[in-house]
């Protein structure tokens, strides 16, 4: 980072104390902002439970997980004949005997298509 390099090559004497403190404050602020951004990106994979139950549909690629979720819920996941169409988890609500159950379509568990 340019601020760290500037702090490293700056001469250390009484006249640069305020500038050094300002640079350290800016570096700390940027590092805190980067940590918060990374934490926010990880938390985006969490899907809050809705309804009476939450069920996750998992399996290898190209086995019909998205098609199942699309057939029994009102969700509209991408369904295609080629593997790895689903990139992110997608929830949908299924109604069974007046009970709402949340189904979650997930990306494939492996990186190899099913035979």
PDB file of N, CA and C in Angstrom:
ATOM      1  N   UNK A   1       0.844  -1.159   0.000  1.00  0.00           N
ATOM      2  CA  UNK A   1       0.000   0.000   0.000  1.00  0.00           C
ATOM      3  C   UNK A   1       0.898   1.233   0.000  1.00  0.00           C
ATOM      4  N   UNK A   2       0.512   2.253  -0.710  1.00  0.00           N
ATOM      5  CA  UNK A   2       1.316   3.454  -0.867  1.00  0.00           C
ATOM      6  C   UNK A   2       1.489   4.204   0.456  1.00  0.00           C
ATOM      7  N   UNK A   3       0.454   4.210   1.287  1.00  0.00           N
ATOM      8  CA  UNK A   3       0.568   4.914   2.575  1.00  0.00           C
ATOM      9  C   UNK A   3       1.598   4.246   3.479  1.00  0.00           C
ATOM     10  N   UNK A   4       1.646   2.919   3.488  1.00  0.00           N
ATOM     11  CA  UNK A   4       2.638   2.216   4.297  1.00  0.00           C
ATOM     12  C   UNK A   4       4.048   2.476   3.792  1.00  0.00           C
ATOM     13  N   UNK A   5       4.202   2.536   2.475  1.00  0.00           N
ATOM     14  CA  UNK A   5       5.520   2.830   1.899  1.00  0.00           C
ATOM     15  C   UNK A   5       5.960   4.247   2.247  1.00  0.00           C
ATOM     16  N   UNK A   6       5.018   5.176   2.182  1.00  0.00           N
ATOM     17  CA  UNK A   6       5.328   6.567   2.532  1.00  0.00           C
ATOM     18  C   UNK A   6       5.737   6.672   4.000  1.00  0.00           C
ATOM     19  N   UNK A   7       5.040   5.949   4.862  1.00  0.00           N
ATOM     20  CA  UNK A   7       5.370   5.957   6.286  1.00  0.00           C
ATOM     21  C   UNK A   7       6.752   5.349   6.529  1.00  0.00           C
ATOM     22  N   UNK A   8       7.116   4.323   5.765  1.00  0.00           N
ATOM     23  CA  UNK A   8       8.402   3.652   5.947  1.00  0.00           C
ATOM     24  C   UNK A   8       9.581   4.526   5.510  1.00  0.00           C
ATOM     25  N   UNK A   9       9.422   5.300   4.453  1.00  0.00           N
ATOM     26  CA  UNK A   9      10.556   6.094   3.952  1.00  0.00           C
ATOM     27  C   UNK A   9      10.595   7.499   4.527  1.00  0.00           C
ATOM     28  N   UNK A  10       9.585   7.898   5.269  1.00  0.00           N
ATOM     29  CA  UNK A  10       9.532   9.238   5.857  1.00  0.00           C
ATOM     30  C   UNK A  10      10.578   9.375   6.960  1.00  0.00           C
ATOM     31  N   UNK A  11      11.306  10.474   6.993  1.00  0.00           N
ATOM     32  CA  UNK A  11      12.269  10.664   8.079  1.00  0.00           C
ATOM     33  C   UNK A  11      11.527  10.820   9.416  1.00  0.00           C
ATOM     34  N   UNK A  12      12.117  10.286  10.470  1.00  0.00           N
ATOM     35  CA  UNK A  12      11.492  10.337  11.791  1.00  0.00           C
ATOM     36  C   UNK A  12      12.148  11.435  12.614  1.00  0.00           C
ATOM     37  N   UNK A  13      11.435  12.544  12.772  1.00  0.00           N
ATOM     38  CA  UNK A  13      11.892  13.623  13.646  1.00  0.00           C
ATOM     39  C   UNK A  13      10.679  14.420  14.110  1.00  0.00           C
ATOM     40  N   UNK A  14      10.916  15.405  14.935  1.00  0.00           N
ATOM     41  CA  UNK A  14       9.856  16.163  15.583  1.00  0.00           C
ATOM     42  C   UNK A  14       8.908  16.828  14.580  1.00  0.00           C
ATOM     43  N   UNK A  15       9.375  17.241  13.447  1.00  0.00           N
ATOM     44  CA  UNK A  15       8.557  17.943  12.460  1.00  0.00           C
ATOM     45  C   UNK A  15       7.589  17.037  11.698  1.00  0.00           C
ATOM     46  N   UNK A  16       7.798  15.714  11.711  1.00  0.00           N
ATOM     47  CA  UNK A  16       6.926  14.809  10.959  1.00  0.00           C
ATOM     48  C   UNK A  16       5.998  13.987  11.857  1.00  0.00           C
ATOM     49  N   UNK A  17       5.958  14.287  13.157  1.00  0.00           N
ATOM     50  CA  UNK A  17       5.127  13.512  14.083  1.00  0.00           C
ATOM     51  C   UNK A  17       3.648  13.538  13.701  1.00  0.00           C
ATOM     52  N   UNK A  18       3.118  14.701  13.384  1.00  0.00           N
ATOM     53  CA  UNK A  18       1.692  14.807  13.033  1.00  0.00           C
ATOM     54  C   UNK A  18       1.399  14.085  11.722  1.00  0.00           C
ATOM     55  N   UNK A  19       2.285  14.197  10.752  1.00  0.00           N
ATOM     56  CA  UNK A  19       2.086  13.511   9.479  1.00  0.00           C
ATOM     57  C   UNK A  19       2.127  11.999   9.659  1.00  0.00           C
ATOM     58  N   UNK A  20       3.050  11.499  10.488  1.00  0.00           N
ATOM     59  CA  UNK A  20       3.125  10.067  10.775  1.00  0.00           C
ATOM     60  C   UNK A  20       1.839   9.574  11.454  1.00  0.00           C
ATOM     61  N   UNK A  21       1.342  10.342  12.416  1.00  0.00           N
ATOM     62  CA  UNK A  21       0.113   9.957  13.107  1.00  0.00           C
ATOM     63  C   UNK A  21      -1.060   9.939  12.134  1.00  0.00           C
ATOM     64  N   UNK A  22      -1.117  10.913  11.234  1.00  0.00           N
ATOM     65  CA  UNK A  22      -2.197  10.958  10.247  1.00  0.00           C
ATOM     66  C   UNK A  22      -2.127   9.754   9.301  1.00  0.00           C
ATOM     67  N   UNK A  23      -0.932   9.400   8.858  1.00  0.00           N
ATOM     68  CA  UNK A  23      -0.773   8.238   7.982  1.00  0.00           C
ATOM     69  C   UNK A  23      -1.182   6.945   8.689  1.00  0.00           C
ATOM     70  N   UNK A  24      -0.768   6.782   9.944  1.00  0.00           N
ATOM     71  CA  UNK A  24      -1.154   5.582  10.701  1.00  0.00           C
ATOM     72  C   UNK A  24      -2.676   5.511  10.875  1.00  0.00           C
ATOM     73  N   UNK A  25      -3.306   6.665  11.121  1.00  0.00           N
ATOM     74  CA  UNK A  25      -4.759   6.711  11.282  1.00  0.00           C
ATOM     75  C   UNK A  25      -5.456   6.323   9.975  1.00  0.00           C
ATOM     76  N   UNK A  26      -4.952   6.826   8.846  1.00  0.00           N
ATOM     77  CA  UNK A  26      -5.535   6.484   7.540  1.00  0.00           C
ATOM     78  C   UNK A  26      -5.369   5.001   7.216  1.00  0.00           C
ATOM     79  N   UNK A  27      -4.199   4.449   7.516  1.00  0.00           N
ATOM     80  CA  UNK A  27      -3.949   3.025   7.264  1.00  0.00           C
ATOM     81  C   UNK A  27      -4.901   2.175   8.100  1.00  0.00           C
ATOM     82  N   UNK A  28      -5.057   2.515   9.377  1.00  0.00           N
ATOM     83  CA  UNK A  28      -5.955   1.753  10.252  1.00  0.00           C
ATOM     84  C   UNK A  28      -7.391   1.836   9.755  1.00  0.00           C
ATOM     85  N   UNK A  29      -7.804   3.005   9.301  1.00  0.00           N
ATOM     86  CA  UNK A  29      -9.168   3.181   8.792  1.00  0.00           C
ATOM     87  C   UNK A  29      -9.391   2.334   7.544  1.00  0.00           C
ATOM     88  N   UNK A  30      -8.425   2.296   6.624  1.00  0.00           N
ATOM     89  CA  UNK A  30      -8.554   1.484   5.417  1.00  0.00           C
ATOM     90  C   UNK A  30      -8.577  -0.009   5.734  1.00  0.00           C
ATOM     91  N   UNK A  31      -7.758  -0.449   6.680  1.00  0.00           N
ATOM     92  CA  UNK A  31      -7.746  -1.864   7.064  1.00  0.00           C
ATOM     93  C   UNK A  31      -9.066  -2.269   7.717  1.00  0.00           C
ATOM     94  N   UNK A  32      -9.632  -1.409   8.561  1.00  0.00           N
ATOM     95  CA  UNK A  32     -10.936  -1.699   9.174  1.00  0.00           C
ATOM     96  C   UNK A  32     -12.022  -1.799   8.119  1.00  0.00           C
ATOM     97  N   UNK A  33     -12.007  -0.900   7.132  1.00  0.00           N
ATOM     98  CA  UNK A  33     -13.012  -0.924   6.067  1.00  0.00           C
ATOM     99  C   UNK A  33     -12.880  -2.201   5.243  1.00  0.00           C
ATOM    100  N   UNK A  34     -11.659  -2.652   4.983  1.00  0.00           N
ATOM    101  CA  UNK A  34     -11.452  -3.888   4.223  1.00  0.00           C
ATOM    102  C   UNK A  34     -11.960  -5.100   5.003  1.00  0.00           C
ATOM    103  N   UNK A  35     -11.739  -5.141   6.325  1.00  0.00           N
ATOM    104  CA  UNK A  35     -12.232  -6.247   7.154  1.00  0.00           C
ATOM    105  C   UNK A  35     -13.754  -6.287   7.166  1.00  0.00           C
ATOM    106  N   UNK A  36     -14.396  -5.139   7.278  1.00  0.00           N
ATOM    107  CA  UNK A  36     -15.856  -5.088   7.288  1.00  0.00           C
ATOM    108  C   UNK A  36     -16.425  -5.542   5.958  1.00  0.00           C
ATOM    109  N   UNK A  37     -15.787  -5.171   4.851  1.00  0.00           N
ATOM    110  CA  UNK A  37     -16.264  -5.568   3.531  1.00  0.00           C
ATOM    111  C   UNK A  37     -16.158  -7.083   3.356  1.00  0.00           C
ATOM    112  N   UNK A  38     -15.066  -7.685   3.798  1.00  0.00           N
ATOM    113  CA  UNK A  38     -14.886  -9.131   3.679  1.00  0.00           C
ATOM    114  C   UNK A  38     -15.912  -9.869   4.529  1.00  0.00           C
ATOM    115  N   UNK A  39     -16.199  -9.371   5.719  1.00  0.00           N
ATOM    116  CA  UNK A  39     -17.185 -10.012   6.581  1.00  0.00           C
ATOM    117  C   UNK A  39     -18.571  -9.922   5.978  1.00  0.00           C
ATOM    118  N   UNK A  40     -18.883  -8.826   5.323  1.00  0.00           N
ATOM    119  CA  UNK A  40     -20.191  -8.661   4.692  1.00  0.00           C
ATOM    120  C   UNK A  40     -20.344  -9.639   3.538  1.00  0.00           C
ATOM    121  N   UNK A  41     -19.304  -9.880   2.774  1.00  0.00           N
ATOM    122  CA  UNK A  41     -19.386 -10.790   1.648  1.00  0.00           C
ATOM    123  C   UNK A  41     -19.589 -12.224   2.113  1.00  0.00           C
ATOM    124  N   UNK A  42     -18.972 -12.612   3.208  1.00  0.00           N
ATOM    125  CA  UNK A  42     -19.165 -13.970   3.711  1.00  0.00           C
ATOM    126  C   UNK A  42     -20.582 -14.154   4.245  1.00  0.00           C
ATOM    127  N   UNK A  43     -21.126 -13.155   4.885  1.00  0.00           N
ATOM    128  CA  UNK A  43     -22.456 -13.266   5.476  1.00  0.00           C
ATOM    129  C   UNK A  43     -23.551 -13.316   4.436  1.00  0.00           C
ATOM    130  N   UNK A  44     -23.254 -12.953   3.201  1.00  0.00           N
ATOM    131  CA  UNK A  44     -24.293 -12.933   2.181  1.00  0.00           C
ATOM    132  C   UNK A  44     -24.756 -14.337   1.800  1.00  0.00           C
ATOM    133  N   UNK A  45     -24.011 -15.381   2.160  1.00  0.00           N
ATOM    134  CA  UNK A  45     -24.413 -16.748   1.848  1.00  0.00           C
ATOM    135  C   UNK A  45     -25.424 -17.288   2.854  1.00  0.00           C
ATOM    136  N   UNK A  46     -25.678 -16.581   3.931  1.00  0.00           N
ATOM    137  CA  UNK A  46     -26.626 -17.031   4.948  1.00  0.00           C
ATOM    138  C   UNK A  46     -28.042 -16.750   4.469  1.00  0.00           C
ATOM    139  N   UNK A  47     -28.902 -17.759   4.518  1.00  0.00           N
ATOM    140  CA  UNK A  47     -30.299 -17.600   4.143  1.00  0.00           C
ATOM    141  C   UNK A  47     -31.123 -17.811   5.401  1.00  0.00           C
ATOM    142  N   UNK A  48     -31.842 -16.777   5.806  1.00  0.00           N
ATOM    143  CA  UNK A  48     -32.652 -16.853   7.014  1.00  0.00           C
ATOM    144  C   UNK A  48     -33.801 -17.837   6.832  1.00  0.00           C
ATOM    145  N   UNK A  49     -34.108 -18.585   7.875  1.00  0.00           N
ATOM    146  CA  UNK A  49     -35.183 -19.567   7.844  1.00  0.00           C
ATOM    147  C   UNK A  49     -36.535 -18.857   7.808  1.00  0.00           C
ATOM    148  N   UNK A  50     -37.400 -19.323   6.923  1.00  0.00           N
ATOM    149  CA  UNK A  50     -38.770 -18.844   6.845  1.00  0.00           C
ATOM    150  C   UNK A  50     -39.690 -20.055   6.829  1.00  0.00           C
ATOM    151  N   UNK A  51     -40.894 -19.914   7.344  1.00  0.00           N
ATOM    152  CA  UNK A  51     -41.836 -21.016   7.362  1.00  0.00           C
ATOM    153  C   UNK A  51     -41.567 -21.974   8.499  1.00  0.00           C
ATOM    154  N   UNK A  52     -42.204 -23.148   8.443  1.00  0.00           N
ATOM    155  CA  UNK A  52     -42.101 -24.129   9.513  1.00  0.00           C
ATOM    156  C   UNK A  52     -40.783 -24.888   9.485  1.00  0.00           C
ATOM    157  N   UNK A  53     -40.193 -25.039   8.317  1.00  0.00           N
ATOM    158  CA  UNK A  53     -38.953 -25.814   8.211  1.00  0.00           C
ATOM    159  C   UNK A  53     -38.107 -25.262   7.076  1.00  0.00           C
ATOM    160  N   UNK A  54     -36.847 -25.635   7.094  1.00  0.00           N
ATOM    161  CA  UNK A  54     -35.918 -25.249   6.035  1.00  0.00           C
ATOM    162  C   UNK A  54     -35.203 -26.515   5.574  1.00  0.00           C
ATOM    163  N   UNK A  55     -35.311 -26.827   4.281  1.00  0.00           N
ATOM    164  CA  UNK A  55     -34.665 -28.016   3.718  1.00  0.00           C
ATOM    165  C   UNK A  55     -33.740 -27.588   2.596  1.00  0.00           C
ATOM    166  N   UNK A  56     -32.568 -28.169   2.554  1.00  0.00           N
ATOM    167  CA  UNK A  56     -31.570 -27.824   1.545  1.00  0.00           C
ATOM    168  C   UNK A  56     -31.472 -28.977   0.548  1.00  0.00           C
ATOM    169  N   UNK A  57     -31.561 -28.651  -0.739  1.00  0.00           N
ATOM    170  CA  UNK A  57     -31.455 -29.654  -1.800  1.00  0.00           C
ATOM    171  C   UNK A  57     -29.999 -29.666  -2.258  1.00  0.00           C
ATOM    172  N   UNK A  58     -29.289 -30.763  -1.977  1.00  0.00           N
ATOM    173  CA  UNK A  58     -27.870 -30.868  -2.323  1.00  0.00           C
ATOM    174  C   UNK A  58     -27.637 -32.079  -3.215  1.00  0.00           C
ATOM    175  N   UNK A  59     -26.542 -32.041  -3.957  1.00  0.00           N
ATOM    176  CA  UNK A  59     -26.191 -33.160  -4.814  1.00  0.00           C
ATOM    177  C   UNK A  59     -25.161 -32.776  -5.840  1.00  0.00           C
ATOM    178  N   UNK A  60     -24.772 -33.731  -6.674  1.00  0.00           N
ATOM    179  CA  UNK A  60     -23.789 -33.452  -7.714  1.00  0.00           C
ATOM    180  C   UNK A  60     -24.390 -32.590  -8.821  1.00  0.00           C
ATOM    181  N   UNK A  61     -23.565 -32.083  -9.732  1.00  0.00           N
ATOM    182  CA  UNK A  61     -24.067 -31.231 -10.802  1.00  0.00           C
ATOM    183  C   UNK A  61     -24.957 -31.984 -11.787  1.00  0.00           C
ATOM    184  N   UNK A  62     -25.881 -31.254 -12.369  1.00  0.00           N
ATOM    185  CA  UNK A  62     -26.730 -31.744 -13.462  1.00  0.00           C
ATOM    186  C   UNK A  62     -27.596 -32.940 -13.048  1.00  0.00           C
ATOM    187  N   UNK A  63     -28.168 -32.876 -11.822  1.00  0.00           N
ATOM    188  CA  UNK A  63     -29.032 -33.961 -11.360  1.00  0.00           C
ATOM    189  C   UNK A  63     -30.470 -33.515 -11.127  1.00  0.00           C
ATOM    190  N   UNK A  64     -30.804 -32.270 -11.435  1.00  0.00           N
ATOM    191  CA  UNK A  64     -32.181 -31.814 -11.350  1.00  0.00           C
ATOM    192  C   UNK A  64     -32.561 -31.105 -10.075  1.00  0.00           C
ATOM    193  N   UNK A  65     -31.597 -30.632  -9.301  1.00  0.00           N
ATOM    194  CA  UNK A  65     -31.903 -29.911  -8.059  1.00  0.00           C
ATOM    195  C   UNK A  65     -32.705 -28.649  -8.357  1.00  0.00           C
ATOM    196  N   UNK A  66     -32.263 -27.857  -9.306  1.00  0.00           N
ATOM    197  CA  UNK A  66     -32.955 -26.613  -9.647  1.00  0.00           C
ATOM    198  C   UNK A  66     -34.331 -26.887 -10.231  1.00  0.00           C
ATOM    199  N   UNK A  67     -34.453 -27.913 -11.030  1.00  0.00           N
ATOM    200  CA  UNK A  67     -35.737 -28.252 -11.632  1.00  0.00           C
ATOM    201  C   UNK A  67     -36.725 -28.700 -10.558  1.00  0.00           C
ATOM    202  N   UNK A  68     -36.271 -29.439  -9.565  1.00  0.00           N
ATOM    203  CA  UNK A  68     -37.123 -29.852  -8.457  1.00  0.00           C
ATOM    204  C   UNK A  68     -37.621 -28.641  -7.676  1.00  0.00           C
ATOM    205  N   UNK A  69     -36.723 -27.744  -7.335  1.00  0.00           N
ATOM    206  CA  UNK A  69     -37.103 -26.550  -6.581  1.00  0.00           C
ATOM    207  C   UNK A  69     -38.072 -25.695  -7.392  1.00  0.00           C
ATOM    208  N   UNK A  70     -37.835 -25.563  -8.695  1.00  0.00           N
ATOM    209  CA  UNK A  70     -38.730 -24.785  -9.552  1.00  0.00           C
ATOM    210  C   UNK A  70     -40.108 -25.434  -9.660  1.00  0.00           C
ATOM    211  N   UNK A  71     -40.174 -26.765  -9.646  1.00  0.00           N
ATOM    212  CA  UNK A  71     -41.442 -27.474  -9.807  1.00  0.00           C
ATOM    213  C   UNK A  71     -42.325 -27.390  -8.565  1.00  0.00           C
ATOM    214  N   UNK A  72     -41.732 -27.424  -7.375  1.00  0.00           N
ATOM    215  CA  UNK A  72     -42.548 -27.481  -6.161  1.00  0.00           C
ATOM    216  C   UNK A  72     -42.638 -26.159  -5.402  1.00  0.00           C
ATOM    217  N   UNK A  73     -41.919 -25.127  -5.859  1.00  0.00           N
ATOM    218  CA  UNK A  73     -41.986 -23.818  -5.203  1.00  0.00           C
ATOM    219  C   UNK A  73     -42.301 -22.748  -6.239  1.00  0.00           C
ATOM    220  N   UNK A  74     -42.427 -21.530  -5.759  1.00  0.00           N
ATOM    221  CA  UNK A  74     -42.650 -20.405  -6.667  1.00  0.00           C
ATOM    222  C   UNK A  74     -41.333 -19.752  -7.086  1.00  0.00           C
ATOM    223  N   UNK A  75     -40.204 -20.307  -6.673  1.00  0.00           N
ATOM    224  CA  UNK A  75     -38.896 -19.764  -7.046  1.00  0.00           C
ATOM    225  C   UNK A  75     -38.632 -20.013  -8.524  1.00  0.00           C
ATOM    226  N   UNK A  76     -37.771 -19.196  -9.105  1.00  0.00           N
ATOM    227  CA  UNK A  76     -37.443 -19.319 -10.528  1.00  0.00           C
ATOM    228  C   UNK A  76     -35.922 -19.444 -10.681  1.00  0.00           C
ATOM    229  N   UNK A  77     -35.351 -20.593 -10.270  1.00  0.00           N
ATOM    230  CA  UNK A  77     -33.914 -20.763 -10.470  1.00  0.00           C
ATOM    231  C   UNK A  77     -33.605 -21.027 -11.945  1.00  0.00           C
ATOM    232  N   UNK A  78     -32.378 -20.757 -12.333  1.00  0.00           N
ATOM    233  CA  UNK A  78     -31.962 -21.025 -13.719  1.00  0.00           C
ATOM    234  C   UNK A  78     -31.881 -22.539 -13.917  1.00  0.00           C
ATOM    235  N   UNK A  79     -32.592 -23.042 -14.927  1.00  0.00           N
ATOM    236  CA  UNK A  79     -32.598 -24.466 -15.238  1.00  0.00           C
ATOM    237  C   UNK A  79     -32.096 -24.626 -16.669  1.00  0.00           C
ATOM    238  N   UNK A  80     -31.047 -25.430 -16.837  1.00  0.00           N
ATOM    239  CA  UNK A  80     -30.482 -25.659 -18.168  1.00  0.00           C
ATOM    240  C   UNK A  80     -29.997 -27.107 -18.258  1.00  0.00           C
ATOM    241  N   UNK A  81     -29.738 -27.562 -19.472  1.00  0.00           N
ATOM    242  CA  UNK A  81     -29.307 -28.946 -19.668  1.00  0.00           C
ATOM    243  C   UNK A  81     -27.814 -29.138 -19.443  1.00  0.00           C
ATOM    244  N   UNK A  82     -27.079 -28.078 -19.235  1.00  0.00           N
ATOM    245  CA  UNK A  82     -25.644 -28.199 -18.991  1.00  0.00           C
ATOM    246  C   UNK A  82     -25.365 -28.062 -17.493  1.00  0.00           C
ATOM    247  N   UNK A  83     -24.283 -28.677 -17.001  1.00  0.00           N
ATOM    248  CA  UNK A  83     -23.989 -28.621 -15.562  1.00  0.00           C
ATOM    249  C   UNK A  83     -23.498 -27.242 -15.121  1.00  0.00           C
ATOM    250  N   UNK A  84     -23.537 -27.016 -13.819  1.00  0.00           N
ATOM    251  CA  UNK A  84     -23.031 -25.799 -13.167  1.00  0.00           C
ATOM    252  C   UNK A  84     -23.819 -24.554 -13.558  1.00  0.00           C
ATOM    253  N   UNK A  85     -25.133 -24.688 -13.724  1.00  0.00           N
ATOM    254  CA  UNK A  85     -25.983 -23.527 -14.003  1.00  0.00           C
ATOM    255  C   UNK A  85     -26.202 -22.719 -12.729  1.00  0.00           C
ATOM    256  N   UNK A  86     -26.352 -23.392 -11.602  1.00  0.00           N
ATOM    257  CA  UNK A  86     -26.589 -22.712 -10.328  1.00  0.00           C
ATOM    258  C   UNK A  86     -25.263 -22.270  -9.732  1.00  0.00           C
ATOM    259  N   UNK A  87     -25.164 -20.969  -9.428  1.00  0.00           N
ATOM    260  CA  UNK A  87     -23.929 -20.420  -8.855  1.00  0.00           C
ATOM    261  C   UNK A  87     -24.099 -20.014  -7.394  1.00  0.00           C
ATOM    262  N   UNK A  88     -25.344 -19.685  -6.991  1.00  0.00           N
ATOM    263  CA  UNK A  88     -25.608 -19.252  -5.622  1.00  0.00           C
ATOM    264  C   UNK A  88     -26.847 -19.969  -5.101  1.00  0.00           C
ATOM    265  N   UNK A  89     -26.930 -20.089  -3.787  1.00  0.00           N
ATOM    266  CA  UNK A  89     -28.100 -20.713  -3.172  1.00  0.00           C
ATOM    267  C   UNK A  89     -29.331 -19.835  -3.400  1.00  0.00           C
ATOM    268  N   UNK A  90     -30.475 -20.486  -3.710  1.00  0.00           N
ATOM    269  CA  UNK A  90     -31.707 -19.755  -3.965  1.00  0.00           C
ATOM    270  C   UNK A  90     -32.854 -20.405  -3.192  1.00  0.00           C
ATOM    271  N   UNK A  91     -33.517 -19.640  -2.315  1.00  0.00           N
ATOM    272  CA  UNK A  91     -34.626 -20.210  -1.552  1.00  0.00           C
ATOM    273  C   UNK A  91     -35.948 -20.143  -2.310  1.00  0.00           C
ATOM    274  N   UNK A  92     -36.861 -21.026  -1.946  1.00  0.00           N
ATOM    275  CA  UNK A  92     -38.221 -21.038  -2.474  1.00  0.00           C
ATOM    276  C   UNK A  92     -39.144 -21.639  -1.426  1.00  0.00           C
ATOM    277  N   UNK A  93     -40.407 -21.229  -1.415  1.00  0.00           N
ATOM    278  CA  UNK A  93     -41.370 -21.724  -0.424  1.00  0.00           C
ATOM    279  C   UNK A  93     -42.266 -22.795  -1.031  1.00  0.00           C
ATOM    280  N   UNK A  94     -42.358 -23.935  -0.375  1.00  0.00           N
ATOM    281  CA  UNK A  94     -43.213 -25.040  -0.791  1.00  0.00           C
ATOM    282  C   UNK A  94     -44.333 -25.168   0.244  1.00  0.00           C
ATOM    283  N   UNK A  95     -45.560 -25.347  -0.226  1.00  0.00           N
ATOM    284  CA  UNK A  95     -46.680 -25.524   0.690  1.00  0.00           C
ATOM    285  C   UNK A  95     -47.100 -26.986   0.669  1.00  0.00           C
ATOM    286  N   UNK A  96     -47.112 -27.609   1.851  1.00  0.00           N
ATOM    287  CA  UNK A  96     -47.501 -29.010   1.995  1.00  0.00           C
ATOM    288  C   UNK A  96     -48.497 -29.103   3.143  1.00  0.00           C
ATOM    289  N   UNK A  97     -49.746 -29.426   2.833  1.00  0.00           N
ATOM    290  CA  UNK A  97     -50.827 -29.529   3.824  1.00  0.00           C
ATOM    291  C   UNK A  97     -50.909 -28.273   4.690  1.00  0.00           C
ATOM    292  N   UNK A  98     -50.975 -27.115   4.034  1.00  0.00           N
ATOM    293  CA  UNK A  98     -51.065 -25.799   4.692  1.00  0.00           C
ATOM    294  C   UNK A  98     -49.857 -25.474   5.571  1.00  0.00           C
ATOM    295  N   UNK A  99     -48.745 -26.135   5.357  1.00  0.00           N
ATOM    296  CA  UNK A  99     -47.504 -25.845   6.075  1.00  0.00           C
ATOM    297  C   UNK A  99     -46.489 -25.345   5.065  1.00  0.00           C
ATOM    298  N   UNK A 100     -45.877 -24.206   5.356  1.00  0.00           N
ATOM    299  CA  UNK A 100     -44.858 -23.659   4.455  1.00  0.00           C
ATOM    300  C   UNK A 100     -43.485 -24.211   4.824  1.00  0.00           C
ATOM    301  N   UNK A 101     -42.818 -24.752   3.825  1.00  0.00           N
ATOM    302  CA  UNK A 101     -41.474 -25.307   3.993  1.00  0.00           C
ATOM    303  C   UNK A 101     -40.559 -24.596   3.016  1.00  0.00           C
ATOM    304  N   UNK A 102     -39.440 -24.122   3.497  1.00  0.00           N
ATOM    305  CA  UNK A 102     -38.484 -23.422   2.656  1.00  0.00           C
ATOM    306  C   UNK A 102     -37.502 -24.425   2.061  1.00  0.00           C
ATOM    307  N   UNK A 103     -37.456 -24.497   0.719  1.00  0.00           N
ATOM    308  CA  UNK A 103     -36.472 -25.332   0.024  1.00  0.00           C
ATOM    309  C   UNK A 103     -35.377 -24.425  -0.505  1.00  0.00           C
ATOM    310  N   UNK A 104     -34.144 -24.849  -0.378  1.00  0.00           N
ATOM    311  CA  UNK A 104     -33.014 -24.053  -0.858  1.00  0.00           C
ATOM    312  C   UNK A 104     -32.268 -24.839  -1.921  1.00  0.00           C
ATOM    313  N   UNK A 105     -32.225 -24.281  -3.130  1.00  0.00           N
ATOM    314  CA  UNK A 105     -31.454 -24.863  -4.227  1.00  0.00           C
ATOM    315  C   UNK A 105     -30.009 -24.423  -4.058  1.00  0.00           C
ATOM    316  N   UNK A 106     -29.072 -25.365  -4.123  1.00  0.00           N
ATOM    317  CA  UNK A 106     -27.663 -25.047  -3.903  1.00  0.00           C
ATOM    318  C   UNK A 106     -26.823 -25.352  -5.132  1.00  0.00           C
ATOM    319  N   UNK A 107     -25.662 -24.739  -5.232  1.00  0.00           N
ATOM    320  CA  UNK A 107     -24.722 -25.115  -6.297  1.00  0.00           C
ATOM    321  C   UNK A 107     -24.250 -26.554  -6.084  1.00  0.00           C
ATOM    322  N   UNK A 108     -23.654 -27.189  -7.085  1.00  0.00           N
ATOM    323  CA  UNK A 108     -23.199 -28.580  -6.941  1.00  0.00           C
ATOM    324  C   UNK A 108     -22.151 -28.734  -5.847  1.00  0.00           C
ATOM    325  N   UNK A 109     -22.106 -29.915  -5.252  1.00  0.00           N
ATOM    326  CA  UNK A 109     -21.134 -30.194  -4.202  1.00  0.00           C
ATOM    327  C   UNK A 109     -19.755 -30.506  -4.769  1.00  0.00           C
ATOM    328  N   UNK A 110     -19.685 -31.047  -5.977  1.00  0.00           N
ATOM    329  CA  UNK A 110     -18.397 -31.412  -6.569  1.00  0.00           C
ATOM    330  C   UNK A 110     -18.160 -30.580  -7.821  1.00  0.00           C
ATOM    331  N   UNK A 111     -16.934 -30.634  -8.305  1.00  0.00           N
ATOM    332  CA  UNK A 111     -16.616 -29.901  -9.523  1.00  0.00           C
ATOM    333  C   UNK A 111     -16.660 -30.809 -10.763  1.00  0.00           C
ATOM    334  N   UNK A 112     -17.097 -32.063 -10.586  1.00  0.00           N
ATOM    335  CA  UNK A 112     -17.176 -33.004 -11.687  1.00  0.00           C
ATOM    336  C   UNK A 112     -18.635 -33.273 -12.032  1.00  0.00           C
ATOM    337  N   UNK A 113     -19.032 -33.227 -13.324  1.00  0.00           N
ATOM    338  CA  UNK A 113     -20.417 -33.549 -13.707  1.00  0.00           C
ATOM    339  C   UNK A 113     -20.737 -35.015 -13.423  1.00  0.00           C
ATOM    340  N   UNK A 114     -22.033 -35.292 -13.184  1.00  0.00           N
ATOM    341  CA  UNK A 114     -22.467 -36.668 -12.924  1.00  0.00           C
ATOM    342  C   UNK A 114     -22.395 -37.486 -14.206  1.00  0.00           C
ATOM    343  N   UNK A 115     -22.053 -38.752 -14.076  1.00  0.00           N
ATOM    344  CA  UNK A 115     -21.969 -39.641 -15.233  1.00  0.00           C
ATOM    345  C   UNK A 115     -23.337 -40.154 -15.610  1.00  0.00           C
TER     346      UNK A 115
END
